[in-house]
PDB file of N, CA and C in Angstrom:
ATOM      1  N   UNK A   1      26.115  35.578 -32.272  1.00  0.00           N
ATOM      2  CA  UNK A   1      25.964  36.758 -33.003  1.00  0.00           C
ATOM      3  C   UNK A   1      25.246  36.488 -34.226  1.00  0.00           C
ATOM      4  N   UNK A   2      24.323  37.331 -34.704  1.00  0.00           N
ATOM      5  CA  UNK A   2      23.661  37.007 -35.906  1.00  0.00           C
ATOM      6  C   UNK A   2      24.548  37.546 -37.161  1.00  0.00           C
ATOM      7  N   UNK A   3      24.202  37.214 -38.362  1.00  0.00           N
ATOM      8  CA  UNK A   3      24.872  37.417 -39.474  1.00  0.00           C
ATOM      9  C   UNK A   3      25.018  38.921 -39.809  1.00  0.00           C
ATOM     10  N   UNK A   4      23.916  39.662 -39.624  1.00  0.00           N
ATOM     11  CA  UNK A   4      23.949  41.021 -39.845  1.00  0.00           C
ATOM     12  C   UNK A   4      24.899  41.767 -39.025  1.00  0.00           C
ATOM     13  N   UNK A   5      24.886  41.575 -37.705  1.00  0.00           N
ATOM     14  CA  UNK A   5      25.764  42.240 -36.732  1.00  0.00           C
ATOM     15  C   UNK A   5      27.239  41.894 -37.166  1.00  0.00           C
ATOM     16  N   UNK A   6      27.469  40.453 -37.501  1.00  0.00           N
ATOM     17  CA  UNK A   6      28.770  40.076 -37.803  1.00  0.00           C
ATOM     18  C   UNK A   6      29.384  41.025 -39.019  1.00  0.00           C
ATOM     19  N   UNK A   7      28.474  41.049 -40.100  1.00  0.00           N
ATOM     20  CA  UNK A   7      28.885  41.865 -41.175  1.00  0.00           C
ATOM     21  C   UNK A   7      29.236  43.259 -40.909  1.00  0.00           C
ATOM     22  N   UNK A   8      28.391  43.940 -40.097  1.00  0.00           N
ATOM     23  CA  UNK A   8      28.539  45.333 -39.763  1.00  0.00           C
ATOM     24  C   UNK A   8      29.898  45.413 -38.917  1.00  0.00           C
ATOM     25  N   UNK A   9      30.019  44.588 -38.030  1.00  0.00           N
ATOM     26  CA  UNK A   9      31.379  44.570 -37.239  1.00  0.00           C
ATOM     27  C   UNK A   9      32.581  44.489 -38.236  1.00  0.00           C
ATOM     28  N   UNK A  10      32.469  43.585 -39.198  1.00  0.00           N
ATOM     29  CA  UNK A  10      33.593  43.425 -40.067  1.00  0.00           C
ATOM     30  C   UNK A  10      33.723  44.497 -41.019  1.00  0.00           C
ATOM     31  N   UNK A  11      32.664  45.186 -41.357  1.00  0.00           N
ATOM     32  CA  UNK A  11      32.834  46.302 -42.341  1.00  0.00           C
ATOM     33  C   UNK A  11      33.255  47.438 -41.686  1.00  0.00           C
ATOM     34  N   UNK A  12      32.848  47.639 -40.417  1.00  0.00           N
ATOM     35  CA  UNK A  12      33.454  48.878 -39.654  1.00  0.00           C
ATOM     36  C   UNK A  12      34.908  48.662 -39.389  1.00  0.00           C
ATOM     37  N   UNK A  13      35.321  47.270 -39.131  1.00  0.00           N
ATOM     38  CA  UNK A  13      36.692  47.072 -39.008  1.00  0.00           C
ATOM     39  C   UNK A  13      37.517  47.501 -40.245  1.00  0.00           C
ATOM     40  N   UNK A  14      36.907  47.176 -41.477  1.00  0.00           N
ATOM     41  CA  UNK A  14      37.614  47.393 -42.666  1.00  0.00           C
ATOM     42  C   UNK A  14      37.601  48.915 -42.871  1.00  0.00           C
ATOM     43  N   UNK A  15      36.748  49.538 -42.470  1.00  0.00           N
ATOM     44  CA  UNK A  15      36.716  51.106 -42.647  1.00  0.00           C
ATOM     45  C   UNK A  15      37.739  51.655 -41.625  1.00  0.00           C
ATOM     46  N   UNK A  16      37.851  51.184 -40.411  1.00  0.00           N
ATOM     47  CA  UNK A  16      38.766  51.742 -39.487  1.00  0.00           C
ATOM     48  C   UNK A  16      40.296  51.433 -39.803  1.00  0.00           C
ATOM     49  N   UNK A  17      40.648  50.464 -40.547  1.00  0.00           N
ATOM     50  CA  UNK A  17      42.055  50.081 -40.739  1.00  0.00           C
ATOM     51  C   UNK A  17      42.712  51.368 -41.310  1.00  0.00           C
ATOM     52  N   UNK A  18      42.270  51.646 -42.480  1.00  0.00           N
ATOM     53  CA  UNK A  18      42.986  53.060 -43.042  1.00  0.00           C
ATOM     54  C   UNK A  18      42.945  54.198 -42.291  1.00  0.00           C
ATOM     55  N   UNK A  19      41.813  54.355 -41.558  1.00  0.00           N
ATOM     56  CA  UNK A  19      41.694  55.601 -40.677  1.00  0.00           C
ATOM     57  C   UNK A  19      42.682  55.484 -39.498  1.00  0.00           C
ATOM     58  N   UNK A  20      42.785  54.390 -38.873  1.00  0.00           N
ATOM     59  CA  UNK A  20      43.867  54.256 -37.775  1.00  0.00           C
ATOM     60  C   UNK A  20      45.284  54.433 -38.364  1.00  0.00           C
ATOM     61  N   UNK A  21      45.527  53.819 -39.616  1.00  0.00           N
ATOM     62  CA  UNK A  21      46.825  54.042 -40.112  1.00  0.00           C
ATOM     63  C   UNK A  21      47.226  55.521 -40.319  1.00  0.00           C
ATOM     64  N   UNK A  22      46.307  56.209 -40.911  1.00  0.00           N
ATOM     65  CA  UNK A  22      46.414  57.590 -41.249  1.00  0.00           C
ATOM     66  C   UNK A  22      46.518  58.398 -40.014  1.00  0.00           C
ATOM     67  N   UNK A  23      45.853  57.978 -38.868  1.00  0.00           N
ATOM     68  CA  UNK A  23      45.931  58.760 -37.687  1.00  0.00           C
ATOM     69  C   UNK A  23      47.339  58.508 -37.049  1.00  0.00           C
ATOM     70  N   UNK A  24      47.856  57.389 -37.122  1.00  0.00           N
ATOM     71  CA  UNK A  24      49.122  57.093 -36.568  1.00  0.00           C
ATOM     72  C   UNK A  24      50.160  57.904 -37.354  1.00  0.00           C
ATOM     73  N   UNK A  25      50.096  57.815 -38.632  1.00  0.00           N
ATOM     74  CA  UNK A  25      51.074  58.638 -39.548  1.00  0.00           C
ATOM     75  C   UNK A  25      50.988  59.999 -39.051  1.00  0.00           C
ATOM     76  N   UNK A  26      49.738  60.605 -38.913  1.00  0.00           N
ATOM     77  CA  UNK A  26      49.656  62.170 -38.545  1.00  0.00           C
ATOM     78  C   UNK A  26      50.317  62.272 -37.155  1.00  0.00           C
ATOM     79  N   UNK A  27      50.196  61.354 -36.349  1.00  0.00           N
ATOM     80  CA  UNK A  27      50.808  61.661 -34.972  1.00  0.00           C
ATOM     81  C   UNK A  27      52.295  61.512 -35.044  1.00  0.00           C
ATOM     82  N   UNK A  28      52.742  60.756 -35.912  1.00  0.00           N
ATOM     83  CA  UNK A  28      54.330  60.518 -36.083  1.00  0.00           C
ATOM     84  C   UNK A  28      54.715  61.873 -36.737  1.00  0.00           C
ATOM     85  N   UNK A  29      53.971  62.268 -37.690  1.00  0.00           N
ATOM     86  CA  UNK A  29      54.399  63.575 -38.461  1.00  0.00           C
ATOM     87  C   UNK A  29      54.315  64.792 -37.449  1.00  0.00           C
ATOM     88  N   UNK A  30      53.422  64.854 -36.625  1.00  0.00           N
ATOM     89  CA  UNK A  30      53.286  65.977 -35.669  1.00  0.00           C
ATOM     90  C   UNK A  30      54.358  65.958 -34.592  1.00  0.00           C
ATOM     91  N   UNK A  31      54.776  64.720 -34.120  1.00  0.00           N
ATOM     92  CA  UNK A  31      55.589  64.668 -33.095  1.00  0.00           C
ATOM     93  C   UNK A  31      57.113  64.982 -33.796  1.00  0.00           C
ATOM     94  N   UNK A  32      57.404  64.467 -35.012  1.00  0.00           N
ATOM     95  CA  UNK A  32      58.602  64.655 -35.562  1.00  0.00           C
ATOM     96  C   UNK A  32      58.929  66.075 -35.882  1.00  0.00           C
ATOM     97  N   UNK A  33      57.787  66.887 -36.179  1.00  0.00           N
ATOM     98  CA  UNK A  33      57.891  68.258 -36.567  1.00  0.00           C
ATOM     99  C   UNK A  33      57.887  69.124 -35.187  1.00  0.00           C
ATOM    100  N   UNK A  34      57.733  68.604 -34.125  1.00  0.00           N
ATOM    101  CA  UNK A  34      57.671  69.203 -32.830  1.00  0.00           C
ATOM    102  C   UNK A  34      56.508  70.020 -32.663  1.00  0.00           C
ATOM    103  N   UNK A  35      55.426  69.706 -33.223  1.00  0.00           N
ATOM    104  CA  UNK A  35      54.272  70.618 -33.130  1.00  0.00           C
ATOM    105  C   UNK A  35      53.517  70.464 -31.908  1.00  0.00           C
ATOM    106  N   UNK A  36      52.992  71.583 -31.381  1.00  0.00           N
ATOM    107  CA  UNK A  36      52.312  71.479 -30.022  1.00  0.00           C
ATOM    108  C   UNK A  36      50.767  71.474 -30.440  1.00  0.00           C
ATOM    109  N   UNK A  37      50.051  71.243 -29.336  1.00  0.00           N
ATOM    110  CA  UNK A  37      48.547  71.116 -29.508  1.00  0.00           C
ATOM    111  C   UNK A  37      48.054  72.369 -30.063  1.00  0.00           C
ATOM    112  N   UNK A  38      48.417  73.420 -29.741  1.00  0.00           N
ATOM    113  CA  UNK A  38      47.968  74.713 -30.618  1.00  0.00           C
ATOM    114  C   UNK A  38      48.165  74.722 -32.026  1.00  0.00           C
ATOM    115  N   UNK A  39      49.427  74.209 -32.317  1.00  0.00           N
ATOM    116  CA  UNK A  39      49.779  74.088 -33.785  1.00  0.00           C
ATOM    117  C   UNK A  39      48.838  73.276 -34.549  1.00  0.00           C
ATOM    118  N   UNK A  40      48.617  72.077 -33.857  1.00  0.00           N
ATOM    119  CA  UNK A  40      47.590  71.023 -34.501  1.00  0.00           C
ATOM    120  C   UNK A  40      46.338  71.650 -34.599  1.00  0.00           C
ATOM    121  N   UNK A  41      45.773  72.166 -33.522  1.00  0.00           N
ATOM    122  CA  UNK A  41      44.448  72.789 -33.478  1.00  0.00           C
ATOM    123  C   UNK A  41      44.219  73.852 -34.503  1.00  0.00           C
ATOM    124  N   UNK A  42      45.296  74.652 -34.692  1.00  0.00           N
ATOM    125  CA  UNK A  42      45.209  75.854 -35.877  1.00  0.00           C
ATOM    126  C   UNK A  42      45.128  75.153 -37.190  1.00  0.00           C
ATOM    127  N   UNK A  43      45.657  74.042 -37.383  1.00  0.00           N
ATOM    128  CA  UNK A  43      45.584  73.536 -38.719  1.00  0.00           C
ATOM    129  C   UNK A  43      44.222  72.703 -38.888  1.00  0.00           C
ATOM    130  N   UNK A  44      43.659  72.274 -37.825  1.00  0.00           N
ATOM    131  CA  UNK A  44      42.386  71.642 -37.980  1.00  0.00           C
ATOM    132  C   UNK A  44      41.116  72.483 -37.955  1.00  0.00           C
ATOM    133  N   UNK A  45      41.328  73.584 -37.488  1.00  0.00           N
ATOM    134  CA  UNK A  45      40.244  74.592 -37.227  1.00  0.00           C
ATOM    135  C   UNK A  45      39.463  74.902 -38.578  1.00  0.00           C
ATOM    136  N   UNK A  46      38.240  74.623 -38.475  1.00  0.00           N
ATOM    137  CA  UNK A  46      37.359  74.963 -39.743  1.00  0.00           C
ATOM    138  C   UNK A  46      37.572  74.009 -40.889  1.00  0.00           C
ATOM    139  N   UNK A  47      38.249  72.929 -40.725  1.00  0.00           N
ATOM    140  CA  UNK A  47      38.374  72.056 -41.884  1.00  0.00           C
ATOM    141  C   UNK A  47      37.494  71.039 -41.934  1.00  0.00           C
ATOM    142  N   UNK A  48      36.690  71.103 -43.056  1.00  0.00           N
ATOM    143  CA  UNK A  48      35.714  70.084 -43.263  1.00  0.00           C
ATOM    144  C   UNK A  48      36.214  68.696 -43.676  1.00  0.00           C
ATOM    145  N   UNK A  49      37.489  68.630 -44.207  1.00  0.00           N
ATOM    146  CA  UNK A  49      38.279  67.366 -44.387  1.00  0.00           C
ATOM    147  C   UNK A  49      38.453  66.568 -42.975  1.00  0.00           C
ATOM    148  N   UNK A  50      39.040  67.296 -42.130  1.00  0.00           N
ATOM    149  CA  UNK A  50      39.400  66.701 -40.780  1.00  0.00           C
ATOM    150  C   UNK A  50      38.022  66.340 -40.149  1.00  0.00           C
ATOM    151  N   UNK A  51      37.028  67.285 -40.156  1.00  0.00           N
ATOM    152  CA  UNK A  51      35.734  66.868 -39.560  1.00  0.00           C
ATOM    153  C   UNK A  51      35.093  65.727 -40.085  1.00  0.00           C
ATOM    154  N   UNK A  52      35.165  65.443 -41.472  1.00  0.00           N
ATOM    155  CA  UNK A  52      34.696  64.305 -42.130  1.00  0.00           C
ATOM    156  C   UNK A  52      35.437  63.126 -41.772  1.00  0.00           C
ATOM    157  N   UNK A  53      36.753  63.328 -41.831  1.00  0.00           N
ATOM    158  CA  UNK A  53      37.728  61.986 -41.428  1.00  0.00           C
ATOM    159  C   UNK A  53      37.345  61.583 -40.063  1.00  0.00           C
ATOM    160  N   UNK A  54      37.431  62.486 -39.065  1.00  0.00           N
ATOM    161  CA  UNK A  54      37.232  62.012 -37.753  1.00  0.00           C
ATOM    162  C   UNK A  54      35.735  61.704 -37.463  1.00  0.00           C
ATOM    163  N   UNK A  55      34.986  62.368 -38.118  1.00  0.00           N
ATOM    164  CA  UNK A  55      33.397  61.977 -37.931  1.00  0.00           C
ATOM    165  C   UNK A  55      33.139  60.544 -38.493  1.00  0.00           C
ATOM    166  N   UNK A  56      33.804  60.135 -39.520  1.00  0.00           N
ATOM    167  CA  UNK A  56      33.612  58.784 -40.130  1.00  0.00           C
ATOM    168  C   UNK A  56      34.288  57.798 -39.026  1.00  0.00           C
ATOM    169  N   UNK A  57      35.462  58.139 -38.514  1.00  0.00           N
ATOM    170  CA  UNK A  57      36.228  57.452 -37.582  1.00  0.00           C
ATOM    171  C   UNK A  57      35.305  57.248 -36.242  1.00  0.00           C
ATOM    172  N   UNK A  58      34.721  58.180 -35.836  1.00  0.00           N
ATOM    173  CA  UNK A  58      33.800  58.120 -34.680  1.00  0.00           C
ATOM    174  C   UNK A  58      32.652  57.159 -34.924  1.00  0.00           C
ATOM    175  N   UNK A  59      32.074  57.355 -36.115  1.00  0.00           N
ATOM    176  CA  UNK A  59      30.842  56.553 -36.525  1.00  0.00           C
ATOM    177  C   UNK A  59      31.338  55.004 -36.524  1.00  0.00           C
ATOM    178  N   UNK A  60      32.347  54.711 -37.156  1.00  0.00           N
ATOM    179  CA  UNK A  60      32.789  53.357 -37.364  1.00  0.00           C
ATOM    180  C   UNK A  60      33.186  52.783 -35.976  1.00  0.00           C
ATOM    181  N   UNK A  61      33.820  53.544 -35.210  1.00  0.00           N
ATOM    182  CA  UNK A  61      34.404  52.992 -34.020  1.00  0.00           C
ATOM    183  C   UNK A  61      33.142  52.704 -32.955  1.00  0.00           C
ATOM    184  N   UNK A  62      32.194  53.671 -33.112  1.00  0.00           N
ATOM    185  CA  UNK A  62      31.041  53.571 -32.136  1.00  0.00           C
ATOM    186  C   UNK A  62      30.266  52.352 -32.534  1.00  0.00           C
ATOM    187  N   UNK A  63      29.893  51.989 -33.760  1.00  0.00           N
ATOM    188  CA  UNK A  63      29.235  51.005 -34.270  1.00  0.00           C
ATOM    189  C   UNK A  63      30.034  49.543 -33.809  1.00  0.00           C
ATOM    190  N   UNK A  64      31.310  49.622 -34.259  1.00  0.00           N
ATOM    191  CA  UNK A  64      32.231  48.447 -33.894  1.00  0.00           C
ATOM    192  C   UNK A  64      32.279  48.030 -32.541  1.00  0.00           C
ATOM    193  N   UNK A  65      32.508  49.030 -31.800  1.00  0.00           N
ATOM    194  CA  UNK A  65      32.571  48.810 -30.341  1.00  0.00           C
ATOM    195  C   UNK A  65      31.421  48.403 -29.565  1.00  0.00           C
ATOM    196  N   UNK A  66      30.278  49.031 -30.006  1.00  0.00           N
ATOM    197  CA  UNK A  66      28.918  48.658 -29.327  1.00  0.00           C
ATOM    198  C   UNK A  66      28.568  47.048 -29.746  1.00  0.00           C
ATOM    199  N   UNK A  67      28.874  46.672 -31.055  1.00  0.00           N
ATOM    200  CA  UNK A  67      28.589  45.305 -31.322  1.00  0.00           C
ATOM    201  C   UNK A  67      29.495  44.371 -30.563  1.00  0.00           C
ATOM    202  N   UNK A  68      30.714  44.866 -30.327  1.00  0.00           N
ATOM    203  CA  UNK A  68      31.707  43.984 -29.532  1.00  0.00           C
ATOM    204  C   UNK A  68      31.202  43.767 -28.154  1.00  0.00           C
ATOM    205  N   UNK A  69      30.819  45.060 -27.525  1.00  0.00           N
ATOM    206  CA  UNK A  69      30.201  44.893 -26.027  1.00  0.00           C
ATOM    207  C   UNK A  69      29.134  44.006 -25.984  1.00  0.00           C
ATOM    208  N   UNK A  70      28.144  44.167 -27.043  1.00  0.00           N
ATOM    209  CA  UNK A  70      26.841  43.402 -27.116  1.00  0.00           C
ATOM    210  C   UNK A  70      27.259  41.815 -27.018  1.00  0.00           C
ATOM    211  N   UNK A  71      28.275  41.414 -27.846  1.00  0.00           N
ATOM    212  CA  UNK A  71      28.703  40.069 -27.980  1.00  0.00           C
ATOM    213  C   UNK A  71      29.403  39.554 -26.627  1.00  0.00           C
ATOM    214  N   UNK A  72      30.277  40.422 -25.987  1.00  0.00           N
ATOM    215  CA  UNK A  72      30.764  40.030 -24.856  1.00  0.00           C
ATOM    216  C   UNK A  72      29.742  39.836 -23.685  1.00  0.00           C
ATOM    217  N   UNK A  73      28.703  40.811 -23.637  1.00  0.00           N
ATOM    218  CA  UNK A  73      27.681  40.696 -22.617  1.00  0.00           C
ATOM    219  C   UNK A  73      26.648  39.458 -22.837  1.00  0.00           C
ATOM    220  N   UNK A  74      26.339  39.107 -24.105  1.00  0.00           N
ATOM    221  CA  UNK A  74      25.627  37.983 -24.273  1.00  0.00           C
ATOM    222  C   UNK A  74      26.267  36.701 -24.007  1.00  0.00           C
ATOM    223  N   UNK A  75      27.656  36.648 -24.219  1.00  0.00           N
ATOM    224  CA  UNK A  75      28.470  35.387 -24.035  1.00  0.00           C
ATOM    225  C   UNK A  75      28.931  35.180 -22.622  1.00  0.00           C
ATOM    226  N   UNK A  76      29.195  36.353 -21.795  1.00  0.00           N
ATOM    227  CA  UNK A  76      29.766  36.302 -20.476  1.00  0.00           C
ATOM    228  C   UNK A  76      29.045  36.802 -19.300  1.00  0.00           C
ATOM    229  N   UNK A  77      27.765  37.319 -19.665  1.00  0.00           N
ATOM    230  CA  UNK A  77      27.111  37.836 -18.577  1.00  0.00           C
ATOM    231  C   UNK A  77      25.690  37.261 -18.532  1.00  0.00           C
ATOM    232  N   UNK A  78      25.028  37.347 -17.412  1.00  0.00           N
ATOM    233  CA  UNK A  78      23.543  36.764 -17.332  1.00  0.00           C
ATOM    234  C   UNK A  78      22.599  37.560 -18.069  1.00  0.00           C
ATOM    235  N   UNK A  79      22.945  38.704 -18.800  1.00  0.00           N
ATOM    236  CA  UNK A  79      22.008  39.476 -19.364  1.00  0.00           C
ATOM    237  C   UNK A  79      21.326  38.726 -20.616  1.00  0.00           C
ATOM    238  N   UNK A  80      20.032  38.945 -20.951  1.00  0.00           N
ATOM    239  CA  UNK A  80      19.363  38.452 -22.022  1.00  0.00           C
ATOM    240  C   UNK A  80      19.964  39.089 -23.234  1.00  0.00           C
ATOM    241  N   UNK A  81      19.637  38.632 -24.469  1.00  0.00           N
ATOM    242  CA  UNK A  81      20.006  39.363 -25.614  1.00  0.00           C
ATOM    243  C   UNK A  81      19.419  40.697 -25.777  1.00  0.00           C
ATOM    244  N   UNK A  82      18.157  40.855 -25.290  1.00  0.00           N
ATOM    245  CA  UNK A  82      17.476  42.015 -25.496  1.00  0.00           C
ATOM    246  C   UNK A  82      18.228  43.029 -24.531  1.00  0.00           C
ATOM    247  N   UNK A  83      18.497  42.809 -23.277  1.00  0.00           N
ATOM    248  CA  UNK A  83      19.073  43.640 -22.286  1.00  0.00           C
ATOM    249  C   UNK A  83      20.623  43.972 -22.810  1.00  0.00           C
ATOM    250  N   UNK A  84      21.264  43.009 -23.252  1.00  0.00           N
ATOM    251  CA  UNK A  84      22.611  43.294 -23.710  1.00  0.00           C
ATOM    252  C   UNK A  84      22.542  44.159 -25.029  1.00  0.00           C
ATOM    253  N   UNK A  85      21.562  43.893 -25.813  1.00  0.00           N
ATOM    254  CA  UNK A  85      21.363  44.865 -27.022  1.00  0.00           C
ATOM    255  C   UNK A  85      21.131  46.183 -26.547  1.00  0.00           C
ATOM    256  N   UNK A  86      20.281  46.346 -25.594  1.00  0.00           N
ATOM    257  CA  UNK A  86      19.855  47.790 -25.160  1.00  0.00           C
ATOM    258  C   UNK A  86      21.123  48.460 -24.517  1.00  0.00           C
ATOM    259  N   UNK A  87      21.848  47.669 -23.766  1.00  0.00           N
ATOM    260  CA  UNK A  87      23.162  48.300 -23.050  1.00  0.00           C
ATOM    261  C   UNK A  87      24.083  48.706 -24.125  1.00  0.00           C
ATOM    262  N   UNK A  88      24.227  47.667 -25.179  1.00  0.00           N
ATOM    263  CA  UNK A  88      25.272  48.015 -26.219  1.00  0.00           C
ATOM    264  C   UNK A  88      24.738  49.265 -27.122  1.00  0.00           C
ATOM    265  N   UNK A  89      23.463  49.502 -27.352  1.00  0.00           N
ATOM    266  CA  UNK A  89      23.008  50.465 -28.010  1.00  0.00           C
ATOM    267  C   UNK A  89      23.321  51.786 -27.265  1.00  0.00           C
ATOM    268  N   UNK A  90      22.968  51.798 -26.008  1.00  0.00           N
ATOM    269  CA  UNK A  90      23.285  53.023 -25.163  1.00  0.00           C
ATOM    270  C   UNK A  90      24.757  53.420 -25.197  1.00  0.00           C
ATOM    271  N   UNK A  91      25.564  52.326 -25.012  1.00  0.00           N
ATOM    272  CA  UNK A  91      26.966  52.435 -25.014  1.00  0.00           C
ATOM    273  C   UNK A  91      27.537  52.979 -26.330  1.00  0.00           C
ATOM    274  N   UNK A  92      26.967  52.500 -27.444  1.00  0.00           N
ATOM    275  CA  UNK A  92      27.252  53.127 -28.716  1.00  0.00           C
ATOM    276  C   UNK A  92      26.985  54.535 -28.870  1.00  0.00           C
ATOM    277  N   UNK A  93      25.570  54.911 -28.427  1.00  0.00           N
ATOM    278  CA  UNK A  93      25.318  56.164 -28.638  1.00  0.00           C
ATOM    279  C   UNK A  93      26.128  57.285 -27.594  1.00  0.00           C
ATOM    280  N   UNK A  94      26.647  56.772 -26.431  1.00  0.00           N
ATOM    281  CA  UNK A  94      27.445  57.505 -25.607  1.00  0.00           C
ATOM    282  C   UNK A  94      28.710  57.676 -26.340  1.00  0.00           C
ATOM    283  N   UNK A  95      29.422  56.654 -26.924  1.00  0.00           N
ATOM    284  CA  UNK A  95      30.615  56.814 -27.625  1.00  0.00           C
ATOM    285  C   UNK A  95      30.415  57.837 -28.924  1.00  0.00           C
ATOM    286  N   UNK A  96      29.307  57.674 -29.496  1.00  0.00           N
ATOM    287  CA  UNK A  96      29.073  58.502 -30.860  1.00  0.00           C
ATOM    288  C   UNK A  96      29.008  60.066 -30.242  1.00  0.00           C
ATOM    289  N   UNK A  97      28.210  60.283 -29.173  1.00  0.00           N
ATOM    290  CA  UNK A  97      28.084  61.582 -28.544  1.00  0.00           C
ATOM    291  C   UNK A  97      29.479  62.116 -28.140  1.00  0.00           C
ATOM    292  N   UNK A  98      30.139  61.371 -27.333  1.00  0.00           N
ATOM    293  CA  UNK A  98      31.434  61.899 -26.903  1.00  0.00           C
ATOM    294  C   UNK A  98      32.388  62.130 -27.983  1.00  0.00           C
ATOM    295  N   UNK A  99      32.493  61.267 -29.103  1.00  0.00           N
ATOM    296  CA  UNK A  99      33.357  61.381 -30.230  1.00  0.00           C
ATOM    297  C   UNK A  99      32.934  62.636 -30.958  1.00  0.00           C
ATOM    298  N   UNK A 100      31.649  62.811 -31.158  1.00  0.00           N
ATOM    299  CA  UNK A 100      31.188  63.899 -31.895  1.00  0.00           C
ATOM    300  C   UNK A 100      31.535  65.230 -31.281  1.00  0.00           C
ATOM    301  N   UNK A 101      31.411  65.284 -30.071  1.00  0.00           N
ATOM    302  CA  UNK A 101      31.771  66.495 -29.212  1.00  0.00           C
ATOM    303  C   UNK A 101      33.347  66.822 -29.418  1.00  0.00           C
ATOM    304  N   UNK A 102      34.110  65.691 -29.323  1.00  0.00           N
ATOM    305  CA  UNK A 102      35.594  65.795 -29.491  1.00  0.00           C
ATOM    306  C   UNK A 102      35.933  66.400 -31.048  1.00  0.00           C
ATOM    307  N   UNK A 103      35.185  65.853 -31.953  1.00  0.00           N
ATOM    308  CA  UNK A 103      35.462  66.252 -33.418  1.00  0.00           C
ATOM    309  C   UNK A 103      35.150  67.807 -33.600  1.00  0.00           C
ATOM    310  N   UNK A 104      33.818  68.288 -32.901  1.00  0.00           N
ATOM    311  CA  UNK A 104      33.532  69.760 -32.861  1.00  0.00           C
ATOM    312  C   UNK A 104      34.550  70.469 -32.194  1.00  0.00           C
ATOM    313  N   UNK A 105      35.035  69.859 -31.036  1.00  0.00           N
ATOM    314  CA  UNK A 105      36.085  70.654 -30.346  1.00  0.00           C
ATOM    315  C   UNK A 105      37.342  70.918 -31.051  1.00  0.00           C
ATOM    316  N   UNK A 106      37.795  69.882 -31.798  1.00  0.00           N
ATOM    317  CA  UNK A 106      38.942  69.920 -32.553  1.00  0.00           C
ATOM    318  C   UNK A 106      38.700  70.991 -33.816  1.00  0.00           C
ATOM    319  N   UNK A 107      37.658  70.770 -34.417  1.00  0.00           N
ATOM    320  CA  UNK A 107      37.399  71.559 -35.684  1.00  0.00           C
ATOM    321  C   UNK A 107      36.944  72.889 -35.546  1.00  0.00           C
ATOM    322  N   UNK A 108      36.089  73.063 -34.401  1.00  0.00           N
ATOM    323  CA  UNK A 108      35.510  74.420 -34.294  1.00  0.00           C
ATOM    324  C   UNK A 108      36.112  75.170 -33.094  1.00  0.00           C
ATOM    325  N   UNK A 109      37.163  74.579 -32.466  1.00  0.00           N
ATOM    326  CA  UNK A 109      37.852  75.380 -31.395  1.00  0.00           C
ATOM    327  C   UNK A 109      38.669  76.601 -31.825  1.00  0.00           C
TER     328      UNK A 109
END
């Protein structure tokens, strides 16, 4: 792994730590209050704060995961660095697309 990718993966991990902790805290809060999916969606609808929060989460997770997949492929598969990088890029774009669609569904539904 080159230094640039190493730093990007560590930076995205550092961004995701507080996001994951807050996400888990929200899950505990919602389940303890007995909130339904409809209750949760009514609170997130139209919220720029939740859209920004989960948008950042999606971006960080997509970058982090695609770098990890690239590393696994270069170390464990017969793919060349170039092909592993291309696959990882496509994988990251797929994750970003699916995550962005989910954010829009939660905020705009």
